[in-house]
Protein backbone atom coordinates (compact mmCIF):
# COMPACT_ATOMS: atom_id res chain seq x y z
CA MET A 1 0.00 0.00 0.00
CA PHE A 2 2.66 2.65 1.02
CA ILE A 3 5.67 0.81 -0.38
CA SER A 4 6.34 1.22 -4.06
CA SER A 5 8.27 -1.26 -6.12
CA ALA A 6 11.95 -0.57 -6.78
CA TYR A 7 13.43 -1.30 -10.17
CA ALA A 8 17.16 -1.55 -10.93
CA GLN A 9 18.57 0.67 -13.60
CA SER A 10 20.05 -0.99 -16.61
CA ALA A 11 23.81 -0.56 -17.09
CA PRO A 12 24.84 1.97 -19.77
CA ALA A 13 26.19 0.50 -22.97
CA ALA A 14 30.01 0.28 -23.01
CA THR A 15 31.70 2.38 -25.66
CA ALA A 16 34.92 1.17 -27.22
CA GLY A 17 37.78 3.68 -27.28
CA GLY A 18 35.81 6.73 -26.14
CA ASP A 19 36.55 6.06 -22.47
CA LEU A 20 40.25 7.04 -22.71
CA GLY A 21 39.56 10.67 -23.58
CA SER A 22 37.08 11.13 -20.76
CA SER A 23 39.49 9.60 -18.20
CA LEU A 24 42.27 11.96 -19.30
CA LEU A 25 39.87 14.87 -19.11
CA SER A 26 38.82 13.88 -15.60
CA MET A 27 42.50 13.84 -14.47
CA LEU A 28 43.13 17.34 -15.81
CA PRO A 29 42.01 19.17 -12.61
CA LEU A 30 44.32 16.98 -10.52
CA VAL A 31 47.29 17.74 -12.77
CA LEU A 32 46.47 21.47 -12.73
CA MET A 33 46.29 21.46 -8.92
CA PHE A 34 49.72 19.82 -8.72
CA VAL A 35 51.23 22.38 -11.10
CA VAL A 36 49.76 25.28 -9.09
CA LEU A 37 50.98 23.68 -5.83
CA TYR A 38 54.49 23.36 -7.27
CA PHE A 39 54.72 27.01 -8.34
CA VAL A 40 53.01 28.44 -5.24
CA MET A 41 54.55 26.35 -2.45
CA ILE A 42 57.33 23.96 -3.42
CA ARG A 43 59.45 26.14 -5.71
CA PRO A 44 59.64 29.20 -3.39
CA GLN A 45 60.55 26.95 -0.44
CA MET A 46 63.40 25.35 -2.40
CA LYS A 47 64.63 28.82 -3.40
CA ARG A 48 64.57 29.98 0.25
CA GLN A 49 66.53 26.89 1.36
CA LYS A 50 69.13 27.49 -1.35
CA GLU A 51 69.57 31.14 -0.29
CA LEU A 52 69.89 30.16 3.39
CA LYS A 53 72.54 27.54 2.58
CA ALA A 54 74.51 30.08 0.52
CA MET A 55 74.32 32.62 3.36
CA LEU A 56 75.54 30.05 5.93
CA ASP A 57 78.40 28.98 3.67
CA ALA A 58 79.47 32.62 3.19
CA LEU A 59 79.73 33.42 6.92
CA ALA A 60 83.08 34.96 7.84
CA LYS A 61 84.84 36.05 10.99
CA GLY A 62 83.69 39.53 11.98
CA ASP A 63 80.21 39.27 10.43
CA GLU A 64 77.38 40.63 12.57
CA VAL A 65 74.49 38.16 12.73
CA VAL A 66 71.09 37.47 14.26
CA THR A 67 70.34 33.97 15.56
CA SER A 68 67.04 32.12 15.60
CA GLY A 69 66.83 32.86 19.35
CA GLY A 70 67.11 36.60 18.73
CA LEU A 71 70.71 37.04 19.87
CA LEU A 72 72.77 39.69 18.12
CA GLY A 73 76.50 39.23 17.96
CA LYS A 74 79.71 39.23 16.00
CA ILE A 75 81.28 36.01 14.78
CA ALA A 76 84.56 35.44 16.64
CA GLN A 77 85.27 31.80 15.66
CA LEU A 78 84.16 29.63 12.77
CA GLY A 79 83.97 25.85 12.62
CA ASP A 80 82.33 23.35 10.30
CA ASN A 81 79.11 23.11 12.30
CA GLN A 82 79.62 25.65 15.10
CA ILE A 83 80.41 29.31 15.47
CA GLY A 84 81.69 31.37 18.37
CA LEU A 85 79.36 34.34 18.73
CA GLU A 86 80.70 37.32 20.67
CA VAL A 87 77.70 38.94 22.35
CA GLY A 88 79.57 41.28 24.69
CA ASN A 89 83.06 42.28 25.78
CA GLY A 90 84.81 38.96 26.28
CA VAL A 91 81.55 36.94 26.24
CA THR A 92 81.58 34.29 23.52
CA LEU A 93 78.80 31.75 23.04
CA GLN A 94 79.18 28.52 21.07
CA MET A 95 76.25 28.03 18.71
CA GLN A 96 75.35 25.85 15.78
CA ARG A 97 75.95 27.46 12.43
CA SER A 98 72.36 26.68 11.41
CA ALA A 99 71.06 28.97 14.21
CA VAL A 100 72.07 32.03 12.17
CA VAL A 101 69.07 33.46 10.34
CA GLN A 102 70.35 36.82 9.09
CA VAL A 103 73.61 38.64 8.44
CA LEU A 104 73.43 42.30 9.43
CA PRO A 105 75.26 45.17 7.73
CA LYS A 106 78.60 46.12 9.29
CA GLY A 107 78.25 48.52 12.23
CA SER A 108 74.67 47.51 13.10
CA ILE A 109 75.60 46.32 16.58
CA LYS A 110 76.83 49.05 18.92
């Protein structure tokens, strides 16, 4: 009385060869999203890492730097992985080279 009969739909007829074009077309948005992601996120991050590595490799004794902790100082000693950062008169801190985030212009620290 209140229940109607349910009928199954018949399967659509299979087309030979036409399915390849529609599958490539359906993948187009995914490929476009990956290309946009590459140019918006991945490429700038790789460029930033390359610039940071070049800056760390170019550190020299006497450079005035800022560390990731916010310390300002002058490089007194250089090692492969560590630097000696002079933060005051006769006060030298040993830090990892990777803690340096910025090289300041000469004479910035008074």
